[in-house]
Amino acid sequence: MPLIQPHKGLNQYSGSEASNASLGQAGFKILTGAGNTGDGHFVAFKILGGLSTADVDVTAVCALGDTLTITNVLTGEMVFGPFLKITIANVGTGIQVLCYRGRSYE
């Protein structure tokens, strides 16, 4: 499957973009129900709310490597990577997923 946008890793970004990507300072998108972020450049996602039990399934399309699929993700988990789209399903009560952007101009 060809990439939507070619990605050369962290060297692709300017100094300020690299800082945003590594620190998550470019903002975030919140997912509160089944759905996805749409296409973009995301560097991490974190599961918030709900109980400390497994409450959500996450699929993340990676810019490099395979698509990541995790079932029964626990509240508090954070996963880093070069993601193009993050999708959640089987969302438990009170769950929010913060999807951190890697670029501030999206």
PDB file of N, CA and C in Angstrom:
ATOM      1  N   MET A   1       0.844  -1.168   0.000  1.00  0.00           N
ATOM      2  CA  MET A   1       0.000   0.000   0.000  1.00  0.00           C
ATOM      3  C   MET A   1       0.899   1.242   0.000  1.00  0.00           C
ATOM      4  N   PRO A   2       0.773   2.121  -0.954  1.00  0.00           N
ATOM      5  CA  PRO A   2       1.611   3.327  -0.975  1.00  0.00           C
ATOM      6  C   PRO A   2       1.190   4.288   0.134  1.00  0.00           C
ATOM      7  N   LEU A   3       2.180   5.012   0.643  1.00  0.00           N
ATOM      8  CA  LEU A   3       1.891   5.992   1.685  1.00  0.00           C
ATOM      9  C   LEU A   3       1.126   7.170   1.109  1.00  0.00           C
ATOM     10  N   ILE A   4       0.264   7.758   1.897  1.00  0.00           N
ATOM     11  CA  ILE A   4      -0.471   8.947   1.482  1.00  0.00           C
ATOM     12  C   ILE A   4       0.512  10.082   1.257  1.00  0.00           C
ATOM     13  N   GLN A   5       1.467  10.224   2.186  1.00  0.00           N
ATOM     14  CA  GLN A   5       2.514  11.227   2.057  1.00  0.00           C
ATOM     15  C   GLN A   5       3.833  10.545   2.396  1.00  0.00           C
ATOM     16  N   PRO A   6       4.836  10.657   1.532  1.00  0.00           N
ATOM     17  CA  PRO A   6       6.127  10.043   1.843  1.00  0.00           C
ATOM     18  C   PRO A   6       6.656  10.577   3.173  1.00  0.00           C
ATOM     19  N   HIS A   7       7.283   9.716   3.933  1.00  0.00           N
ATOM     20  CA  HIS A   7       7.787  10.099   5.241  1.00  0.00           C
ATOM     21  C   HIS A   7       9.237   9.662   5.353  1.00  0.00           C
ATOM     22  N   LYS A   8      10.128  10.568   5.737  1.00  0.00           N
ATOM     23  CA  LYS A   8      11.553  10.281   5.836  1.00  0.00           C
ATOM     24  C   LYS A   8      12.012  10.206   7.283  1.00  0.00           C
ATOM     25  N   GLY A   9      11.084  10.019   8.202  1.00  0.00           N
ATOM     26  CA  GLY A   9      11.441   9.968   9.608  1.00  0.00           C
ATOM     27  C   GLY A   9      11.593  11.362  10.188  1.00  0.00           C
ATOM     28  N   LEU A  10      12.213  11.452  11.353  1.00  0.00           N
ATOM     29  CA  LEU A  10      12.341  12.725  12.051  1.00  0.00           C
ATOM     30  C   LEU A  10      13.179  13.730  11.274  1.00  0.00           C
ATOM     31  N   ASN A  11      14.085  13.267  10.404  1.00  0.00           N
ATOM     32  CA  ASN A  11      14.924  14.179   9.614  1.00  0.00           C
ATOM     33  C   ASN A  11      14.122  14.979   8.593  1.00  0.00           C
ATOM     34  N   GLN A  12      12.887  14.587   8.338  1.00  0.00           N
ATOM     35  CA  GLN A  12      12.038  15.297   7.383  1.00  0.00           C
ATOM     36  C   GLN A  12      11.602  16.662   7.926  1.00  0.00           C
ATOM     37  N   TYR A  13      11.595  16.823   9.239  1.00  0.00           N
ATOM     38  CA  TYR A  13      11.040  18.012   9.864  1.00  0.00           C
ATOM     39  C   TYR A  13      12.097  19.085  10.121  1.00  0.00           C
ATOM     40  N   SER A  14      11.646  20.346  10.183  1.00  0.00           N
ATOM     41  CA  SER A  14      12.516  21.447  10.597  1.00  0.00           C
ATOM     42  C   SER A  14      12.769  21.306  12.094  1.00  0.00           C
ATOM     43  N   GLY A  15      13.639  22.150  12.646  1.00  0.00           N
ATOM     44  CA  GLY A  15      13.944  22.089  14.076  1.00  0.00           C
ATOM     45  C   GLY A  15      12.720  22.251  14.952  1.00  0.00           C
ATOM     46  N   SER A  16      11.881  23.230  14.637  1.00  0.00           N
ATOM     47  CA  SER A  16      10.695  23.450  15.472  1.00  0.00           C
ATOM     48  C   SER A  16       9.676  22.324  15.290  1.00  0.00           C
ATOM     49  N   GLU A  17       9.546  21.800  14.076  1.00  0.00           N
ATOM     50  CA  GLU A  17       8.625  20.681  13.857  1.00  0.00           C
ATOM     51  C   GLU A  17       9.099  19.440  14.599  1.00  0.00           C
ATOM     52  N   ALA A  18      10.407  19.205  14.609  1.00  0.00           N
ATOM     53  CA  ALA A  18      10.948  18.041  15.326  1.00  0.00           C
ATOM     54  C   ALA A  18      10.672  18.170  16.822  1.00  0.00           C
ATOM     55  N   SER A  19      10.810  19.378  17.364  1.00  0.00           N
ATOM     56  CA  SER A  19      10.499  19.588  18.782  1.00  0.00           C
ATOM     57  C   SER A  19       9.029  19.324  19.051  1.00  0.00           C
ATOM     58  N   ASN A  20       8.158  19.796  18.162  1.00  0.00           N
ATOM     59  CA  ASN A  20       6.728  19.536  18.311  1.00  0.00           C
ATOM     60  C   ASN A  20       6.448  18.047  18.274  1.00  0.00           C
ATOM     61  N   ALA A  21       7.071  17.360  17.335  1.00  0.00           N
ATOM     62  CA  ALA A  21       6.838  15.927  17.187  1.00  0.00           C
ATOM     63  C   ALA A  21       7.293  15.170  18.419  1.00  0.00           C
ATOM     64  N   SER A  22       8.433  15.547  18.973  1.00  0.00           N
ATOM     65  CA  SER A  22       8.953  14.808  20.110  1.00  0.00           C
ATOM     66  C   SER A  22       8.250  15.165  21.411  1.00  0.00           C
ATOM     67  N   LEU A  23       7.717  16.350  21.528  1.00  0.00           N
ATOM     68  CA  LEU A  23       7.082  16.782  22.769  1.00  0.00           C
ATOM     69  C   LEU A  23       5.559  16.770  22.706  1.00  0.00           C
ATOM     70  N   GLY A  24       4.993  16.607  21.519  1.00  0.00           N
ATOM     71  CA  GLY A  24       3.540  16.646  21.393  1.00  0.00           C
ATOM     72  C   GLY A  24       2.976  18.039  21.553  1.00  0.00           C
ATOM     73  N   GLN A  25       3.748  19.067  21.242  1.00  0.00           N
ATOM     74  CA  GLN A  25       3.325  20.447  21.458  1.00  0.00           C
ATOM     75  C   GLN A  25       2.562  21.038  20.276  1.00  0.00           C
ATOM     76  N   ALA A  26       2.253  20.254  19.280  1.00  0.00           N
ATOM     77  CA  ALA A  26       1.538  20.759  18.109  1.00  0.00           C
ATOM     78  C   ALA A  26       0.027  20.614  18.258  1.00  0.00           C
ATOM     79  N   GLY A  27      -0.433  20.235  19.439  1.00  0.00           N
ATOM     80  CA  GLY A  27      -1.864  20.080  19.669  1.00  0.00           C
ATOM     81  C   GLY A  27      -2.295  18.626  19.601  1.00  0.00           C
ATOM     82  N   PHE A  28      -3.587  18.418  19.724  1.00  0.00           N
ATOM     83  CA  PHE A  28      -4.119  17.055  19.719  1.00  0.00           C
ATOM     84  C   PHE A  28      -5.552  17.067  19.230  1.00  0.00           C
ATOM     85  N   LYS A  29      -6.029  15.897  18.904  1.00  0.00           N
ATOM     86  CA  LYS A  29      -7.436  15.689  18.545  1.00  0.00           C
ATOM     87  C   LYS A  29      -7.980  14.692  19.555  1.00  0.00           C
ATOM     88  N   ILE A  30      -9.171  14.956  20.066  1.00  0.00           N
ATOM     89  CA  ILE A  30      -9.793  14.061  21.046  1.00  0.00           C
ATOM     90  C   ILE A  30     -10.829  13.188  20.349  1.00  0.00           C
ATOM     91  N   LEU A  31     -10.723  11.885  20.549  1.00  0.00           N
ATOM     92  CA  LEU A  31     -11.749  10.946  20.087  1.00  0.00           C
ATOM     93  C   LEU A  31     -12.508  10.459  21.310  1.00  0.00           C
ATOM     94  N   THR A  32     -13.840  10.588  21.284  1.00  0.00           N
ATOM     95  CA  THR A  32     -14.657  10.183  22.428  1.00  0.00           C
ATOM     96  C   THR A  32     -15.613   9.040  22.109  1.00  0.00           C
ATOM     97  N   GLY A  33     -15.726   8.686  20.876  1.00  0.00           N
ATOM     98  CA  GLY A  33     -16.586   7.586  20.466  1.00  0.00           C
ATOM     99  C   GLY A  33     -15.974   6.900  19.264  1.00  0.00           C
ATOM    100  N   ALA A  34     -16.563   5.812  18.845  1.00  0.00           N
ATOM    101  CA  ALA A  34     -16.032   5.077  17.705  1.00  0.00           C
ATOM    102  C   ALA A  34     -15.864   6.005  16.511  1.00  0.00           C
ATOM    103  N   GLY A  35     -14.714   5.963  15.874  1.00  0.00           N
ATOM    104  CA  GLY A  35     -14.418   6.820  14.730  1.00  0.00           C
ATOM    105  C   GLY A  35     -12.923   6.957  14.556  1.00  0.00           C
ATOM    106  N   ASN A  36     -12.507   7.949  13.751  1.00  0.00           N
ATOM    107  CA  ASN A  36     -11.076   8.125  13.513  1.00  0.00           C
ATOM    108  C   ASN A  36     -10.704   9.598  13.417  1.00  0.00           C
ATOM    109  N   THR A  37      -9.403   9.834  13.372  1.00  0.00           N
ATOM    110  CA  THR A  37      -8.862  11.190  13.349  1.00  0.00           C
ATOM    111  C   THR A  37      -8.935  11.828  11.977  1.00  0.00           C
ATOM    112  N   GLY A  38      -9.120  11.031  10.938  1.00  0.00           N
ATOM    113  CA  GLY A  38      -8.918  11.528   9.584  1.00  0.00           C
ATOM    114  C   GLY A  38      -7.426  11.481   9.294  1.00  0.00           C
ATOM    115  N   ASP A  39      -7.043  11.788   8.078  1.00  0.00           N
ATOM    116  CA  ASP A  39      -5.632  11.736   7.706  1.00  0.00           C
ATOM    117  C   ASP A  39      -4.865  12.878   8.349  1.00  0.00           C
ATOM    118  N   GLY A  40      -3.625  12.620   8.718  1.00  0.00           N
ATOM    119  CA  GLY A  40      -2.787  13.643   9.331  1.00  0.00           C
ATOM    120  C   GLY A  40      -1.448  13.063   9.733  1.00  0.00           C
ATOM    121  N   HIS A  41      -0.747  13.792  10.555  1.00  0.00           N
ATOM    122  CA  HIS A  41       0.538  13.355  11.104  1.00  0.00           C
ATOM    123  C   HIS A  41       0.408  13.367  12.617  1.00  0.00           C
ATOM    124  N   PHE A  42       0.349  12.197  13.218  1.00  0.00           N
ATOM    125  CA  PHE A  42       0.200  12.064  14.655  1.00  0.00           C
ATOM    126  C   PHE A  42       1.417  11.327  15.204  1.00  0.00           C
ATOM    127  N   VAL A  43       1.859  11.699  16.404  1.00  0.00           N
ATOM    128  CA  VAL A  43       3.072  11.116  16.964  1.00  0.00           C
ATOM    129  C   VAL A  43       2.813  10.231  18.178  1.00  0.00           C
ATOM    130  N   ALA A  44       1.607  10.257  18.716  1.00  0.00           N
ATOM    131  CA  ALA A  44       1.286   9.433  19.880  1.00  0.00           C
ATOM    132  C   ALA A  44      -0.211   9.467  20.136  1.00  0.00           C
ATOM    133  N   PHE A  45      -0.676   8.488  20.909  1.00  0.00           N
ATOM    134  CA  PHE A  45      -2.036   8.551  21.430  1.00  0.00           C
ATOM    135  C   PHE A  45      -2.033   8.039  22.864  1.00  0.00           C
ATOM    136  N   LYS A  46      -2.948   8.610  23.675  1.00  0.00           N
ATOM    137  CA  LYS A  46      -3.068   8.228  25.077  1.00  0.00           C
ATOM    138  C   LYS A  46      -4.530   7.998  25.416  1.00  0.00           C
ATOM    139  N   ILE A  47      -4.789   6.941  26.197  1.00  0.00           N
ATOM    140  CA  ILE A  47      -6.143   6.584  26.596  1.00  0.00           C
ATOM    141  C   ILE A  47      -6.423   7.215  27.965  1.00  0.00           C
ATOM    142  N   LEU A  48      -7.535   7.976  28.059  1.00  0.00           N
ATOM    143  CA  LEU A  48      -7.917   8.650  29.302  1.00  0.00           C
ATOM    144  C   LEU A  48      -9.325   8.260  29.715  1.00  0.00           C
ATOM    145  N   GLY A  49      -9.637   8.438  31.003  1.00  0.00           N
ATOM    146  CA  GLY A  49     -10.987   8.242  31.504  1.00  0.00           C
ATOM    147  C   GLY A  49     -11.331   6.797  31.744  1.00  0.00           C
ATOM    148  N   GLY A  50     -12.573   6.569  32.081  1.00  0.00           N
ATOM    149  CA  GLY A  50     -13.041   5.207  32.289  1.00  0.00           C
ATOM    150  C   GLY A  50     -12.422   4.548  33.506  1.00  0.00           C
ATOM    151  N   LEU A  51     -12.572   3.255  33.578  1.00  0.00           N
ATOM    152  CA  LEU A  51     -12.019   2.466  34.673  1.00  0.00           C
ATOM    153  C   LEU A  51     -10.602   2.027  34.304  1.00  0.00           C
ATOM    154  N   SER A  52      -9.956   1.334  35.193  1.00  0.00           N
ATOM    155  CA  SER A  52      -8.606   0.852  34.899  1.00  0.00           C
ATOM    156  C   SER A  52      -8.646  -0.494  34.183  1.00  0.00           C
ATOM    157  N   THR A  53      -9.791  -0.809  33.608  1.00  0.00           N
ATOM    158  CA  THR A  53      -9.917  -2.058  32.853  1.00  0.00           C
ATOM    159  C   THR A  53      -9.774  -1.759  31.364  1.00  0.00           C
ATOM    160  N   ALA A  54      -9.639  -2.803  30.574  1.00  0.00           N
ATOM    161  CA  ALA A  54      -9.509  -2.639  29.125  1.00  0.00           C
ATOM    162  C   ALA A  54     -10.816  -2.106  28.560  1.00  0.00           C
ATOM    163  N   ASP A  55     -10.753  -0.918  27.935  1.00  0.00           N
ATOM    164  CA  ASP A  55     -11.975  -0.234  27.538  1.00  0.00           C
ATOM    165  C   ASP A  55     -12.053   0.216  26.095  1.00  0.00           C
ATOM    166  N   VAL A  56     -11.035  -0.042  25.254  1.00  0.00           N
ATOM    167  CA  VAL A  56     -11.071   0.469  23.889  1.00  0.00           C
ATOM    168  C   VAL A  56     -10.153  -0.356  22.995  1.00  0.00           C
ATOM    169  N   ASP A  57     -10.515  -0.432  21.726  1.00  0.00           N
ATOM    170  CA  ASP A  57      -9.662  -1.052  20.710  1.00  0.00           C
ATOM    171  C   ASP A  57      -9.132   0.057  19.812  1.00  0.00           C
ATOM    172  N   VAL A  58      -7.844   0.004  19.469  1.00  0.00           N
ATOM    173  CA  VAL A  58      -7.207   1.051  18.676  1.00  0.00           C
ATOM    174  C   VAL A  58      -6.519   0.442  17.460  1.00  0.00           C
ATOM    175  N   THR A  59      -6.717   1.071  16.301  1.00  0.00           N
ATOM    176  CA  THR A  59      -5.972   0.735  15.088  1.00  0.00           C
ATOM    177  C   THR A  59      -5.303   2.012  14.616  1.00  0.00           C
ATOM    178  N   ALA A  60      -3.984   1.945  14.383  1.00  0.00           N
ATOM    179  CA  ALA A  60      -3.231   3.114  13.955  1.00  0.00           C
ATOM    180  C   ALA A  60      -2.477   2.775  12.673  1.00  0.00           C
ATOM    181  N   VAL A  61      -2.758   3.518  11.604  1.00  0.00           N
ATOM    182  CA  VAL A  61      -2.058   3.347  10.336  1.00  0.00           C
ATOM    183  C   VAL A  61      -0.726   4.073  10.462  1.00  0.00           C
ATOM    184  N   CYS A  62       0.362   3.342  10.319  1.00  0.00           N
ATOM    185  CA  CYS A  62       1.701   3.899  10.506  1.00  0.00           C
ATOM    186  C   CYS A  62       2.281   4.389   9.187  1.00  0.00           C
ATOM    187  N   ALA A  63       3.032   5.493   9.267  1.00  0.00           N
ATOM    188  CA  ALA A  63       3.720   6.017   8.093  1.00  0.00           C
ATOM    189  C   ALA A  63       4.890   5.109   7.711  1.00  0.00           C
ATOM    190  N   LEU A  64       5.479   4.473   8.689  1.00  0.00           N
ATOM    191  CA  LEU A  64       6.577   3.539   8.474  1.00  0.00           C
ATOM    192  C   LEU A  64       6.221   2.235   9.158  1.00  0.00           C
ATOM    193  N   GLY A  65       6.338   1.127   8.462  1.00  0.00           N
ATOM    194  CA  GLY A  65       6.049  -0.158   9.083  1.00  0.00           C
ATOM    195  C   GLY A  65       4.603  -0.576   8.914  1.00  0.00           C
ATOM    196  N   ASP A  66       4.213  -1.544   9.721  1.00  0.00           N
ATOM    197  CA  ASP A  66       2.886  -2.141   9.637  1.00  0.00           C
ATOM    198  C   ASP A  66       1.844  -1.320  10.379  1.00  0.00           C
ATOM    199  N   THR A  67       0.587  -1.560  10.044  1.00  0.00           N
ATOM    200  CA  THR A  67      -0.519  -0.962  10.791  1.00  0.00           C
ATOM    201  C   THR A  67      -0.578  -1.630  12.159  1.00  0.00           C
ATOM    202  N   LEU A  68      -0.761  -0.826  13.188  1.00  0.00           N
ATOM    203  CA  LEU A  68      -0.801  -1.296  14.569  1.00  0.00           C
ATOM    204  C   LEU A  68      -2.251  -1.499  14.982  1.00  0.00           C
ATOM    205  N   THR A  69      -2.581  -2.684  15.491  1.00  0.00           N
ATOM    206  CA  THR A  69      -3.914  -2.957  16.022  1.00  0.00           C
ATOM    207  C   THR A  69      -3.763  -3.497  17.431  1.00  0.00           C
ATOM    208  N   ILE A  70      -4.408  -2.815  18.383  1.00  0.00           N
ATOM    209  CA  ILE A  70      -4.351  -3.231  19.784  1.00  0.00           C
ATOM    210  C   ILE A  70      -5.781  -3.363  20.288  1.00  0.00           C
ATOM    211  N   THR A  71      -6.105  -4.507  20.875  1.00  0.00           N
ATOM    212  CA  THR A  71      -7.436  -4.695  21.450  1.00  0.00           C
ATOM    213  C   THR A  71      -7.335  -4.591  22.969  1.00  0.00           C
ATOM    214  N   ASN A  72      -8.409  -4.159  23.580  1.00  0.00           N
ATOM    215  CA  ASN A  72      -8.507  -4.066  25.037  1.00  0.00           C
ATOM    216  C   ASN A  72      -7.396  -3.210  25.650  1.00  0.00           C
ATOM    217  N   VAL A  73      -7.247  -1.990  25.147  1.00  0.00           N
ATOM    218  CA  VAL A  73      -6.221  -1.077  25.658  1.00  0.00           C
ATOM    219  C   VAL A  73      -6.659  -0.534  27.016  1.00  0.00           C
ATOM    220  N   LEU A  74      -5.740  -0.483  27.948  1.00  0.00           N
ATOM    221  CA  LEU A  74      -6.037  -0.007  29.301  1.00  0.00           C
ATOM    222  C   LEU A  74      -5.994   1.516  29.385  1.00  0.00           C
ATOM    223  N   THR A  75      -6.794   2.076  30.273  1.00  0.00           N
ATOM    224  CA  THR A  75      -6.736   3.505  30.562  1.00  0.00           C
ATOM    225  C   THR A  75      -5.333   3.843  31.046  1.00  0.00           C
ATOM    226  N   GLY A  76      -4.792   4.960  30.564  1.00  0.00           N
ATOM    227  CA  GLY A  76      -3.460   5.394  30.959  1.00  0.00           C
ATOM    228  C   GLY A  76      -2.359   4.998  29.995  1.00  0.00           C
ATOM    229  N   GLU A  77      -2.640   4.077  29.088  1.00  0.00           N
ATOM    230  CA  GLU A  77      -1.620   3.652  28.127  1.00  0.00           C
ATOM    231  C   GLU A  77      -1.319   4.763  27.136  1.00  0.00           C
ATOM    232  N   MET A  78      -0.043   4.896  26.745  1.00  0.00           N
ATOM    233  CA  MET A  78       0.376   5.861  25.732  1.00  0.00           C
ATOM    234  C   MET A  78       1.281   5.136  24.753  1.00  0.00           C
ATOM    235  N   VAL A  79       1.018   5.333  23.457  1.00  0.00           N
ATOM    236  CA  VAL A  79       1.790   4.667  22.406  1.00  0.00           C
ATOM    237  C   VAL A  79       2.338   5.737  21.468  1.00  0.00           C
ATOM    238  N   PHE A  80       3.636   5.662  21.163  1.00  0.00           N
ATOM    239  CA  PHE A  80       4.298   6.609  20.276  1.00  0.00           C
ATOM    240  C   PHE A  80       4.554   5.968  18.915  1.00  0.00           C
ATOM    241  N   GLY A  81       4.535   6.763  17.853  1.00  0.00           N
ATOM    242  CA  GLY A  81       4.857   6.271  16.519  1.00  0.00           C
ATOM    243  C   GLY A  81       4.482   7.295  15.459  1.00  0.00           C
ATOM    244  N   PRO A  82       4.895   7.048  14.220  1.00  0.00           N
ATOM    245  CA  PRO A  82       4.558   7.953  13.114  1.00  0.00           C
ATOM    246  C   PRO A  82       3.221   7.551  12.500  1.00  0.00           C
ATOM    247  N   PHE A  83       2.117   8.005  13.062  1.00  0.00           N
ATOM    248  CA  PHE A  83       0.785   7.574  12.654  1.00  0.00           C
ATOM    249  C   PHE A  83       0.155   8.537  11.644  1.00  0.00           C
ATOM    250  N   LEU A  84      -0.506   7.971  10.640  1.00  0.00           N
ATOM    251  CA  LEU A  84      -1.237   8.764   9.650  1.00  0.00           C
ATOM    252  C   LEU A  84      -2.720   8.878   9.996  1.00  0.00           C
ATOM    253  N   LYS A  85      -3.250   7.867  10.671  1.00  0.00           N
ATOM    254  CA  LYS A  85      -4.666   7.867  11.061  1.00  0.00           C
ATOM    255  C   LYS A  85      -4.816   6.953  12.275  1.00  0.00           C
ATOM    256  N   ILE A  86      -5.635   7.378  13.236  1.00  0.00           N
ATOM    257  CA  ILE A  86      -5.900   6.582  14.436  1.00  0.00           C
ATOM    258  C   ILE A  86      -7.402   6.359  14.520  1.00  0.00           C
ATOM    259  N   THR A  87      -7.798   5.088  14.652  1.00  0.00           N
ATOM    260  CA  THR A  87      -9.205   4.710  14.697  1.00  0.00           C
ATOM    261  C   THR A  87      -9.473   3.964  15.997  1.00  0.00           C
ATOM    262  N   ILE A  88     -10.612   4.283  16.663  1.00  0.00           N
ATOM    263  CA  ILE A  88     -10.982   3.551  17.865  1.00  0.00           C
ATOM    264  C   ILE A  88     -12.347   2.898  17.687  1.00  0.00           C
ATOM    265  N   ALA A  89     -12.519   1.784  18.394  1.00  0.00           N
ATOM    266  CA  ALA A  89     -13.777   1.022  18.344  1.00  0.00           C
ATOM    267  C   ALA A  89     -14.007   0.386  19.719  1.00  0.00           C
ATOM    268  N   ASN A  90     -15.203  -0.140  19.939  1.00  0.00           N
ATOM    269  CA  ASN A  90     -15.562  -0.781  21.205  1.00  0.00           C
ATOM    270  C   ASN A  90     -15.184   0.110  22.387  1.00  0.00           C
ATOM    271  N   VAL A  91     -15.636   1.354  22.333  1.00  0.00           N
ATOM    272  CA  VAL A  91     -15.246   2.372  23.302  1.00  0.00           C
ATOM    273  C   VAL A  91     -16.067   2.231  24.581  1.00  0.00           C
ATOM    274  N   GLY A  92     -15.389   2.107  25.715  1.00  0.00           N
ATOM    275  CA  GLY A  92     -16.056   2.001  27.005  1.00  0.00           C
ATOM    276  C   GLY A  92     -16.581   3.349  27.481  1.00  0.00           C
ATOM    277  N   THR A  93     -17.383   3.326  28.524  1.00  0.00           N
ATOM    278  CA  THR A  93     -17.981   4.528  29.091  1.00  0.00           C
ATOM    279  C   THR A  93     -16.911   5.471  29.626  1.00  0.00           C
ATOM    280  N   GLY A  94     -16.997   6.733  29.224  1.00  0.00           N
ATOM    281  CA  GLY A  94     -16.093   7.755  29.731  1.00  0.00           C
ATOM    282  C   GLY A  94     -14.707   7.774  29.119  1.00  0.00           C
ATOM    283  N   ILE A  95     -14.465   6.968  28.107  1.00  0.00           N
ATOM    284  CA  ILE A  95     -13.133   6.883  27.492  1.00  0.00           C
ATOM    285  C   ILE A  95     -12.919   8.044  26.525  1.00  0.00           C
ATOM    286  N   GLN A  96     -11.726   8.625  26.582  1.00  0.00           N
ATOM    287  CA  GLN A  96     -11.271   9.614  25.610  1.00  0.00           C
ATOM    288  C   GLN A  96      -9.894   9.175  25.135  1.00  0.00           C
ATOM    289  N   VAL A  97      -9.622   9.386  23.850  1.00  0.00           N
ATOM    290  CA  VAL A  97      -8.300   9.102  23.308  1.00  0.00           C
ATOM    291  C   VAL A  97      -7.720  10.412  22.788  1.00  0.00           C
ATOM    292  N   LEU A  98      -6.598  10.839  23.376  1.00  0.00           N
ATOM    293  CA  LEU A  98      -5.888  12.029  22.906  1.00  0.00           C
ATOM    294  C   LEU A  98      -4.915  11.589  21.823  1.00  0.00           C
ATOM    295  N   CYS A  99      -5.061  12.167  20.636  1.00  0.00           N
ATOM    296  CA  CYS A  99      -4.187  11.848  19.508  1.00  0.00           C
ATOM    297  C   CYS A  99      -3.310  13.075  19.262  1.00  0.00           C
ATOM    298  N   TYR A 100      -2.030  12.965  19.601  1.00  0.00           N
ATOM    299  CA  TYR A 100      -1.104  14.102  19.543  1.00  0.00           C
ATOM    300  C   TYR A 100      -0.610  14.344  18.129  1.00  0.00           C
ATOM    301  N   ARG A 101      -0.731  15.580  17.677  1.00  0.00           N
ATOM    302  CA  ARG A 101      -0.302  15.973  16.327  1.00  0.00           C
ATOM    303  C   ARG A 101       1.211  16.179  16.292  1.00  0.00           C
ATOM    304  N   GLY A 102       1.792  15.894  15.129  1.00  0.00           N
ATOM    305  CA  GLY A 102       3.227  16.098  14.940  1.00  0.00           C
ATOM    306  C   GLY A 102       3.539  17.393  14.213  1.00  0.00           C
ATOM    307  N   ARG A 103       2.542  17.996  13.612  1.00  0.00           N
ATOM    308  CA  ARG A 103       2.739  19.252  12.892  1.00  0.00           C
ATOM    309  C   ARG A 103       1.647  20.224  13.308  1.00  0.00           C
ATOM    310  N   SER A 104       2.020  21.469  13.522  1.00  0.00           N
ATOM    311  CA  SER A 104       1.077  22.442  14.053  1.00  0.00           C
ATOM    312  C   SER A 104       0.189  23.070  12.986  1.00  0.00           C
ATOM    313  N   TYR A 105       0.494  22.873  11.698  1.00  0.00           N
ATOM    314  CA  TYR A 105      -0.297  23.549  10.662  1.00  0.00           C
ATOM    315  C   TYR A 105      -1.385  22.669  10.091  1.00  0.00           C
ATOM    316  N   GLU A 106      -1.715  21.548  10.728  1.00  0.00           N
ATOM    317  CA  GLU A 106      -2.791  20.680  10.250  1.00  0.00           C
ATOM    318  C   GLU A 106      -4.132  21.231  10.685  1.00  0.00           C
TER     319      GLU A 106
END
